[in-house]
Amino acid sequence: MEFSYPAPACCVAVDADGEFDWFNGNAGNPDFITLEYGIAYHALGWTIEPAPEDTTFSNDRTGHGMSVSVDGVEAF
C-alpha cells in the first residue's frame, strides 16, 4: 500500500501494527548518524536496513514496517 500526503510533510511514522501516518514535526537538534548500506541496525524493537534503492524499517515482533525511498514511502 503506497501513501501520498496532500501537502509537503517532513515526517512519516509507522507503528508495530502497520498503522501509517504523515505529519509535520520538528526533530529538534538530534545527534545524527549516517547509516551504511548493507548493515542492519537494531533499535527499540525495530530493524533498520539501508540500501541504495530504499531504507526499510521492520518491527521485530510483528514484521510490519515501511520502506522509504526518494520516490515515496510504502507501508507493509
PDB file of N, CA and C in Angstrom:
ATOM      1  N   MET A   1       0.848  -1.158   0.000  1.00  0.00           N
ATOM      2  CA  MET A   1       0.000   0.000   0.000  1.00  0.00           C
ATOM      3  C   MET A   1       0.897   1.225   0.000  1.00  0.00           C
ATOM      4  N   GLU A   2       0.695   2.138  -0.944  1.00  0.00           N
ATOM      5  CA  GLU A   2       1.508   3.343  -1.015  1.00  0.00           C
ATOM      6  C   GLU A   2       0.654   4.540  -0.637  1.00  0.00           C
ATOM      7  N   PHE A   3       1.243   5.494   0.059  1.00  0.00           N
ATOM      8  CA  PHE A   3       0.515   6.640   0.563  1.00  0.00           C
ATOM      9  C   PHE A   3       1.088   7.917  -0.016  1.00  0.00           C
ATOM     10  N   SER A   4       0.246   8.906  -0.178  1.00  0.00           N
ATOM     11  CA  SER A   4       0.730  10.237  -0.513  1.00  0.00           C
ATOM     12  C   SER A   4       0.047  11.229   0.412  1.00  0.00           C
ATOM     13  N   TYR A   5       0.682  12.326   0.649  1.00  0.00           N
ATOM     14  CA  TYR A   5       0.185  13.336   1.568  1.00  0.00           C
ATOM     15  C   TYR A   5      -0.185  14.550   0.738  1.00  0.00           C
ATOM     16  N   PRO A   6      -1.295  15.210   1.020  1.00  0.00           N
ATOM     17  CA  PRO A   6      -1.735  16.322   0.172  1.00  0.00           C
ATOM     18  C   PRO A   6      -0.830  17.555   0.210  1.00  0.00           C
ATOM     19  N   ALA A   7       0.002  17.683   1.208  1.00  0.00           N
ATOM     20  CA  ALA A   7       0.919  18.813   1.316  1.00  0.00           C
ATOM     21  C   ALA A   7       2.271  18.274   1.742  1.00  0.00           C
ATOM     22  N   PRO A   8       3.337  19.031   1.518  1.00  0.00           N
ATOM     23  CA  PRO A   8       4.643  18.538   1.957  1.00  0.00           C
ATOM     24  C   PRO A   8       4.645  18.224   3.454  1.00  0.00           C
ATOM     25  N   ALA A   9       5.153  17.085   3.802  1.00  0.00           N
ATOM     26  CA  ALA A   9       5.262  16.680   5.203  1.00  0.00           C
ATOM     27  C   ALA A   9       6.694  16.246   5.450  1.00  0.00           C
ATOM     28  N   CYS A  10       7.202  16.566   6.603  1.00  0.00           N
ATOM     29  CA  CYS A  10       8.601  16.248   6.878  1.00  0.00           C
ATOM     30  C   CYS A  10       8.771  14.956   7.664  1.00  0.00           C
ATOM     31  N   CYS A  11       7.680  14.363   8.135  1.00  0.00           N
ATOM     32  CA  CYS A  11       7.801  13.168   8.963  1.00  0.00           C
ATOM     33  C   CYS A  11       6.796  12.111   8.532  1.00  0.00           C
ATOM     34  N   VAL A  12       7.204  10.880   8.679  1.00  0.00           N
ATOM     35  CA  VAL A  12       6.316   9.753   8.419  1.00  0.00           C
ATOM     36  C   VAL A  12       6.558   8.752   9.542  1.00  0.00           C
ATOM     37  N   ALA A  13       5.500   8.073   9.954  1.00  0.00           N
ATOM     38  CA  ALA A  13       5.637   7.116  11.052  1.00  0.00           C
ATOM     39  C   ALA A  13       4.816   5.877  10.753  1.00  0.00           C
ATOM     40  N   VAL A  14       5.305   4.751  11.228  1.00  0.00           N
ATOM     41  CA  VAL A  14       4.552   3.503  11.172  1.00  0.00           C
ATOM     42  C   VAL A  14       4.717   2.844  12.535  1.00  0.00           C
ATOM     43  N   ASP A  15       3.602   2.282  13.060  1.00  0.00           N
ATOM     44  CA  ASP A  15       3.716   1.625  14.355  1.00  0.00           C
ATOM     45  C   ASP A  15       3.861   0.117  14.173  1.00  0.00           C
ATOM     46  N   ALA A  16       3.986  -0.611  15.267  1.00  0.00           N
ATOM     47  CA  ALA A  16       4.242  -2.050  15.223  1.00  0.00           C
ATOM     48  C   ALA A  16       3.128  -2.822  14.540  1.00  0.00           C
ATOM     49  N   ASP A  17       1.912  -2.252  14.487  1.00  0.00           N
ATOM     50  CA  ASP A  17       0.788  -2.921  13.839  1.00  0.00           C
ATOM     51  C   ASP A  17       0.632  -2.525  12.381  1.00  0.00           C
ATOM     52  N   GLY A  18       1.540  -1.709  11.870  1.00  0.00           N
ATOM     53  CA  GLY A  18       1.495  -1.305  10.477  1.00  0.00           C
ATOM     54  C   GLY A  18       0.653  -0.070  10.217  1.00  0.00           C
ATOM     55  N   GLU A  19       0.161   0.589  11.275  1.00  0.00           N
ATOM     56  CA  GLU A  19      -0.596   1.828  11.098  1.00  0.00           C
ATOM     57  C   GLU A  19       0.381   2.929  10.685  1.00  0.00           C
ATOM     58  N   PHE A  20       0.022   3.670   9.660  1.00  0.00           N
ATOM     59  CA  PHE A  20       0.916   4.578   8.976  1.00  0.00           C
ATOM     60  C   PHE A  20       0.362   5.994   9.045  1.00  0.00           C
ATOM     61  N   ASP A  21       1.232   7.007   9.197  1.00  0.00           N
ATOM     62  CA  ASP A  21       0.760   8.383   9.258  1.00  0.00           C
ATOM     63  C   ASP A  21       1.851   9.342   8.804  1.00  0.00           C
ATOM     64  N   TRP A  22       1.429  10.403   8.124  1.00  0.00           N
ATOM     65  CA  TRP A  22       2.292  11.531   7.779  1.00  0.00           C
ATOM     66  C   TRP A  22       2.024  12.634   8.786  1.00  0.00           C
ATOM     67  N   PHE A  23       3.011  13.439   9.092  1.00  0.00           N
ATOM     68  CA  PHE A  23       2.779  14.586   9.956  1.00  0.00           C
ATOM     69  C   PHE A  23       3.909  15.588   9.781  1.00  0.00           C
ATOM     70  N   ASN A  24       3.655  16.781  10.224  1.00  0.00           N
ATOM     71  CA  ASN A  24       4.684  17.812  10.246  1.00  0.00           C
ATOM     72  C   ASN A  24       5.244  17.877  11.649  1.00  0.00           C
ATOM     73  N   GLY A  25       6.526  17.937  11.748  1.00  0.00           N
ATOM     74  CA  GLY A  25       7.148  17.955  13.060  1.00  0.00           C
ATOM     75  C   GLY A  25       8.535  18.554  12.980  1.00  0.00           C
ATOM     76  N   ASN A  26       9.131  18.693  14.121  1.00  0.00           N
ATOM     77  CA  ASN A  26      10.468  19.244  14.207  1.00  0.00           C
ATOM     78  C   ASN A  26      11.283  18.295  15.071  1.00  0.00           C
ATOM     79  N   ALA A  27      12.291  17.700  14.488  1.00  0.00           N
ATOM     80  CA  ALA A  27      13.124  16.746  15.214  1.00  0.00           C
ATOM     81  C   ALA A  27      14.063  17.439  16.195  1.00  0.00           C
ATOM     82  N   GLY A  28      14.038  18.758  16.199  1.00  0.00           N
ATOM     83  CA  GLY A  28      14.932  19.482  17.097  1.00  0.00           C
ATOM     84  C   GLY A  28      16.356  19.410  16.585  1.00  0.00           C
ATOM     85  N   ASN A  29      17.269  19.125  17.448  1.00  0.00           N
ATOM     86  CA  ASN A  29      18.674  19.057  17.074  1.00  0.00           C
ATOM     87  C   ASN A  29      19.263  17.741  17.573  1.00  0.00           C
ATOM     88  N   PRO A  30      18.795  16.614  17.018  1.00  0.00           N
ATOM     89  CA  PRO A  30      19.313  15.327  17.495  1.00  0.00           C
ATOM     90  C   PRO A  30      20.734  15.085  16.994  1.00  0.00           C
ATOM     91  N   ASP A  31      21.393  14.144  17.607  1.00  0.00           N
ATOM     92  CA  ASP A  31      22.697  13.708  17.112  1.00  0.00           C
ATOM     93  C   ASP A  31      22.450  12.739  15.966  1.00  0.00           C
ATOM     94  N   PHE A  32      22.743  13.154  14.746  1.00  0.00           N
ATOM     95  CA  PHE A  32      22.511  12.331  13.574  1.00  0.00           C
ATOM     96  C   PHE A  32      23.657  11.356  13.370  1.00  0.00           C
ATOM     97  N   ILE A  33      23.352  10.197  12.801  1.00  0.00           N
ATOM     98  CA  ILE A  33      24.383   9.260  12.372  1.00  0.00           C
ATOM     99  C   ILE A  33      24.114   8.916  10.915  1.00  0.00           C
ATOM    100  N   THR A  34      25.138   8.538  10.202  1.00  0.00           N
ATOM    101  CA  THR A  34      24.999   8.110   8.818  1.00  0.00           C
ATOM    102  C   THR A  34      24.886   6.598   8.792  1.00  0.00           C
ATOM    103  N   LEU A  35      23.814   6.091   8.183  1.00  0.00           N
ATOM    104  CA  LEU A  35      23.625   4.648   8.062  1.00  0.00           C
ATOM    105  C   LEU A  35      24.397   4.147   6.850  1.00  0.00           C
ATOM    106  N   GLU A  36      25.031   2.997   6.983  1.00  0.00           N
ATOM    107  CA  GLU A  36      25.803   2.418   5.889  1.00  0.00           C
ATOM    108  C   GLU A  36      25.004   1.323   5.207  1.00  0.00           C
ATOM    109  N   TYR A  37      25.022   1.331   3.875  1.00  0.00           N
ATOM    110  CA  TYR A  37      24.347   0.285   3.107  1.00  0.00           C
ATOM    111  C   TYR A  37      24.895  -1.082   3.496  1.00  0.00           C
ATOM    112  N   GLY A  38      24.001  -2.065   3.563  1.00  0.00           N
ATOM    113  CA  GLY A  38      24.406  -3.435   3.832  1.00  0.00           C
ATOM    114  C   GLY A  38      24.568  -3.786   5.299  1.00  0.00           C
ATOM    115  N   ILE A  39      24.367  -2.826   6.182  1.00  0.00           N
ATOM    116  CA  ILE A  39      24.465  -3.094   7.618  1.00  0.00           C
ATOM    117  C   ILE A  39      23.071  -2.963   8.221  1.00  0.00           C
ATOM    118  N   ALA A  40      22.632  -3.985   8.958  1.00  0.00           N
ATOM    119  CA  ALA A  40      21.341  -3.930   9.645  1.00  0.00           C
ATOM    120  C   ALA A  40      21.547  -3.298  11.017  1.00  0.00           C
ATOM    121  N   TYR A  41      20.706  -2.341  11.344  1.00  0.00           N
ATOM    122  CA  TYR A  41      20.750  -1.661  12.633  1.00  0.00           C
ATOM    123  C   TYR A  41      19.539  -2.098  13.451  1.00  0.00           C
ATOM    124  N   HIS A  42      19.703  -2.194  14.760  1.00  0.00           N
ATOM    125  CA  HIS A  42      18.621  -2.625  15.644  1.00  0.00           C
ATOM    126  C   HIS A  42      18.450  -1.584  16.744  1.00  0.00           C
ATOM    127  N   ALA A  43      17.198  -1.132  16.923  1.00  0.00           N
ATOM    128  CA  ALA A  43      16.919  -0.125  17.950  1.00  0.00           C
ATOM    129  C   ALA A  43      15.477  -0.244  18.426  1.00  0.00           C
ATOM    130  N   LEU A  44      15.293  -0.369  19.725  1.00  0.00           N
ATOM    131  CA  LEU A  44      13.971  -0.321  20.354  1.00  0.00           C
ATOM    132  C   LEU A  44      12.964  -1.269  19.708  1.00  0.00           C
ATOM    133  N   GLY A  45      13.403  -2.471  19.341  1.00  0.00           N
ATOM    134  CA  GLY A  45      12.499  -3.459  18.768  1.00  0.00           C
ATOM    135  C   GLY A  45      12.282  -3.334  17.273  1.00  0.00           C
ATOM    136  N   TRP A  46      13.104  -2.549  16.611  1.00  0.00           N
ATOM    137  CA  TRP A  46      13.000  -2.349  15.165  1.00  0.00           C
ATOM    138  C   TRP A  46      14.326  -2.702  14.506  1.00  0.00           C
ATOM    139  N   THR A  47      14.241  -3.163  13.258  1.00  0.00           N
ATOM    140  CA  THR A  47      15.423  -3.395  12.435  1.00  0.00           C
ATOM    141  C   THR A  47      15.382  -2.400  11.288  1.00  0.00           C
ATOM    142  N   ILE A  48      16.485  -1.705  11.065  1.00  0.00           N
ATOM    143  CA  ILE A  48      16.607  -0.713  10.002  1.00  0.00           C
ATOM    144  C   ILE A  48      17.648  -1.229   9.026  1.00  0.00           C
ATOM    145  N   GLU A  49      17.252  -1.343   7.747  1.00  0.00           N
ATOM    146  CA  GLU A  49      18.146  -1.874   6.725  1.00  0.00           C
ATOM    147  C   GLU A  49      18.273  -0.885   5.568  1.00  0.00           C
ATOM    148  N   PRO A  50      19.345  -0.089   5.567  1.00  0.00           N
ATOM    149  CA  PRO A  50      19.554   0.851   4.471  1.00  0.00           C
ATOM    150  C   PRO A  50      20.121   0.149   3.239  1.00  0.00           C
ATOM    151  N   ALA A  51      19.655   0.563   2.077  1.00  0.00           N
ATOM    152  CA  ALA A  51      20.136   0.038   0.797  1.00  0.00           C
ATOM    153  C   ALA A  51      20.081   1.185  -0.208  1.00  0.00           C
ATOM    154  N   PRO A  52      20.795   1.085  -1.318  1.00  0.00           N
ATOM    155  CA  PRO A  52      20.790   2.177  -2.297  1.00  0.00           C
ATOM    156  C   PRO A  52      19.391   2.534  -2.807  1.00  0.00           C
ATOM    157  N   GLU A  53      18.510   1.542  -2.944  1.00  0.00           N
ATOM    158  CA  GLU A  53      17.188   1.809  -3.509  1.00  0.00           C
ATOM    159  C   GLU A  53      16.161   2.285  -2.478  1.00  0.00           C
ATOM    160  N   ASP A  54      16.322   1.901  -1.205  1.00  0.00           N
ATOM    161  CA  ASP A  54      15.408   2.333  -0.147  1.00  0.00           C
ATOM    162  C   ASP A  54      15.970   1.953   1.214  1.00  0.00           C
ATOM    163  N   THR A  55      15.335   2.446   2.253  1.00  0.00           N
ATOM    164  CA  THR A  55      15.662   2.051   3.620  1.00  0.00           C
ATOM    165  C   THR A  55      14.411   1.443   4.224  1.00  0.00           C
ATOM    166  N   THR A  56      14.549   0.238   4.796  1.00  0.00           N
ATOM    167  CA  THR A  56      13.411  -0.490   5.337  1.00  0.00           C
ATOM    168  C   THR A  56      13.474  -0.501   6.857  1.00  0.00           C
ATOM    169  N   PHE A  57      12.333  -0.207   7.473  1.00  0.00           N
ATOM    170  CA  PHE A  57      12.160  -0.233   8.922  1.00  0.00           C
ATOM    171  C   PHE A  57      11.153  -1.332   9.226  1.00  0.00           C
ATOM    172  N   SER A  58      11.552  -2.376   9.968  1.00  0.00           N
ATOM    173  CA  SER A  58      10.671  -3.509  10.271  1.00  0.00           C
ATOM    174  C   SER A  58      10.581  -3.715  11.774  1.00  0.00           C
ATOM    175  N   ASN A  59       9.351  -3.900  12.265  1.00  0.00           N
ATOM    176  CA  ASN A  59       9.166  -4.204  13.674  1.00  0.00           C
ATOM    177  C   ASN A  59       9.565  -5.648  13.905  1.00  0.00           C
ATOM    178  N   ASP A  60      10.419  -5.902  14.876  1.00  0.00           N
ATOM    179  CA  ASP A  60      10.938  -7.248  15.117  1.00  0.00           C
ATOM    180  C   ASP A  60       9.861  -8.222  15.586  1.00  0.00           C
ATOM    181  N   ARG A  61       8.831  -7.737  16.254  1.00  0.00           N
ATOM    182  CA  ARG A  61       7.782  -8.617  16.779  1.00  0.00           C
ATOM    183  C   ARG A  61       6.710  -8.927  15.737  1.00  0.00           C
ATOM    184  N   THR A  62       6.266  -7.902  15.005  1.00  0.00           N
ATOM    185  CA  THR A  62       5.134  -8.093  14.093  1.00  0.00           C
ATOM    186  C   THR A  62       5.528  -8.242  12.632  1.00  0.00           C
ATOM    187  N   GLY A  63       6.719  -7.758  12.266  1.00  0.00           N
ATOM    188  CA  GLY A  63       7.128  -7.772  10.865  1.00  0.00           C
ATOM    189  C   GLY A  63       6.571  -6.609  10.065  1.00  0.00           C
ATOM    190  N   HIS A  64       5.662  -5.808  10.650  1.00  0.00           N
ATOM    191  CA  HIS A  64       5.141  -4.630   9.952  1.00  0.00           C
ATOM    192  C   HIS A  64       6.219  -3.561   9.905  1.00  0.00           C
ATOM    193  N   GLY A  65       6.078  -2.659   8.937  1.00  0.00           N
ATOM    194  CA  GLY A  65       7.029  -1.583   8.842  1.00  0.00           C
ATOM    195  C   GLY A  65       6.796  -0.732   7.628  1.00  0.00           C
ATOM    196  N   MET A  66       7.869  -0.125   7.127  1.00  0.00           N
ATOM    197  CA  MET A  66       7.775   0.715   5.942  1.00  0.00           C
ATOM    198  C   MET A  66       9.116   0.746   5.231  1.00  0.00           C
ATOM    199  N   SER A  67       9.038   1.030   3.932  1.00  0.00           N
ATOM    200  CA  SER A  67      10.221   1.270   3.117  1.00  0.00           C
ATOM    201  C   SER A  67      10.158   2.715   2.652  1.00  0.00           C
ATOM    202  N   VAL A  68      11.275   3.416   2.768  1.00  0.00           N
ATOM    203  CA  VAL A  68      11.357   4.824   2.405  1.00  0.00           C
ATOM    204  C   VAL A  68      12.381   4.967   1.291  1.00  0.00           C
ATOM    205  N   SER A  69      11.979   5.631   0.205  1.00  0.00           N
ATOM    206  CA  SER A  69      12.902   5.883  -0.905  1.00  0.00           C
ATOM    207  C   SER A  69      12.712   7.318  -1.379  1.00  0.00           C
ATOM    208  N   VAL A  70      13.511   7.730  -2.348  1.00  0.00           N
ATOM    209  CA  VAL A  70      13.347   9.071  -2.900  1.00  0.00           C
ATOM    210  C   VAL A  70      12.021   9.198  -3.640  1.00  0.00           C
ATOM    211  N   ASP A  71      11.419   8.077  -4.027  1.00  0.00           N
ATOM    212  CA  ASP A  71      10.153   8.087  -4.758  1.00  0.00           C
ATOM    213  C   ASP A  71       8.930   8.070  -3.859  1.00  0.00           C
ATOM    214  N   GLY A  72       9.081   7.739  -2.581  1.00  0.00           N
ATOM    215  CA  GLY A  72       7.924   7.689  -1.699  1.00  0.00           C
ATOM    216  C   GLY A  72       8.125   6.758  -0.527  1.00  0.00           C
ATOM    217  N   VAL A  73       7.019   6.447   0.123  1.00  0.00           N
ATOM    218  CA  VAL A  73       7.012   5.595   1.305  1.00  0.00           C
ATOM    219  C   VAL A  73       5.968   4.516   1.094  1.00  0.00           C
ATOM    220  N   GLU A  74       6.314   3.287   1.455  1.00  0.00           N
ATOM    221  CA  GLU A  74       5.370   2.178   1.336  1.00  0.00           C
ATOM    222  C   GLU A  74       5.318   1.431   2.662  1.00  0.00           C
ATOM    223  N   ALA A  75       4.114   1.309   3.223  1.00  0.00           N
ATOM    224  CA  ALA A  75       3.929   0.573   4.475  1.00  0.00           C
ATOM    225  C   ALA A  75       3.636  -0.889   4.167  1.00  0.00           C
ATOM    226  N   PHE A  76       4.023  -1.775   5.082  1.00  0.00           N
ATOM    227  CA  PHE A  76       3.712  -3.202   4.915  1.00  0.00           C
ATOM    228  C   PHE A  76       3.394  -3.827   6.257  1.00  0.00           C
TER     229      PHE A  76
END
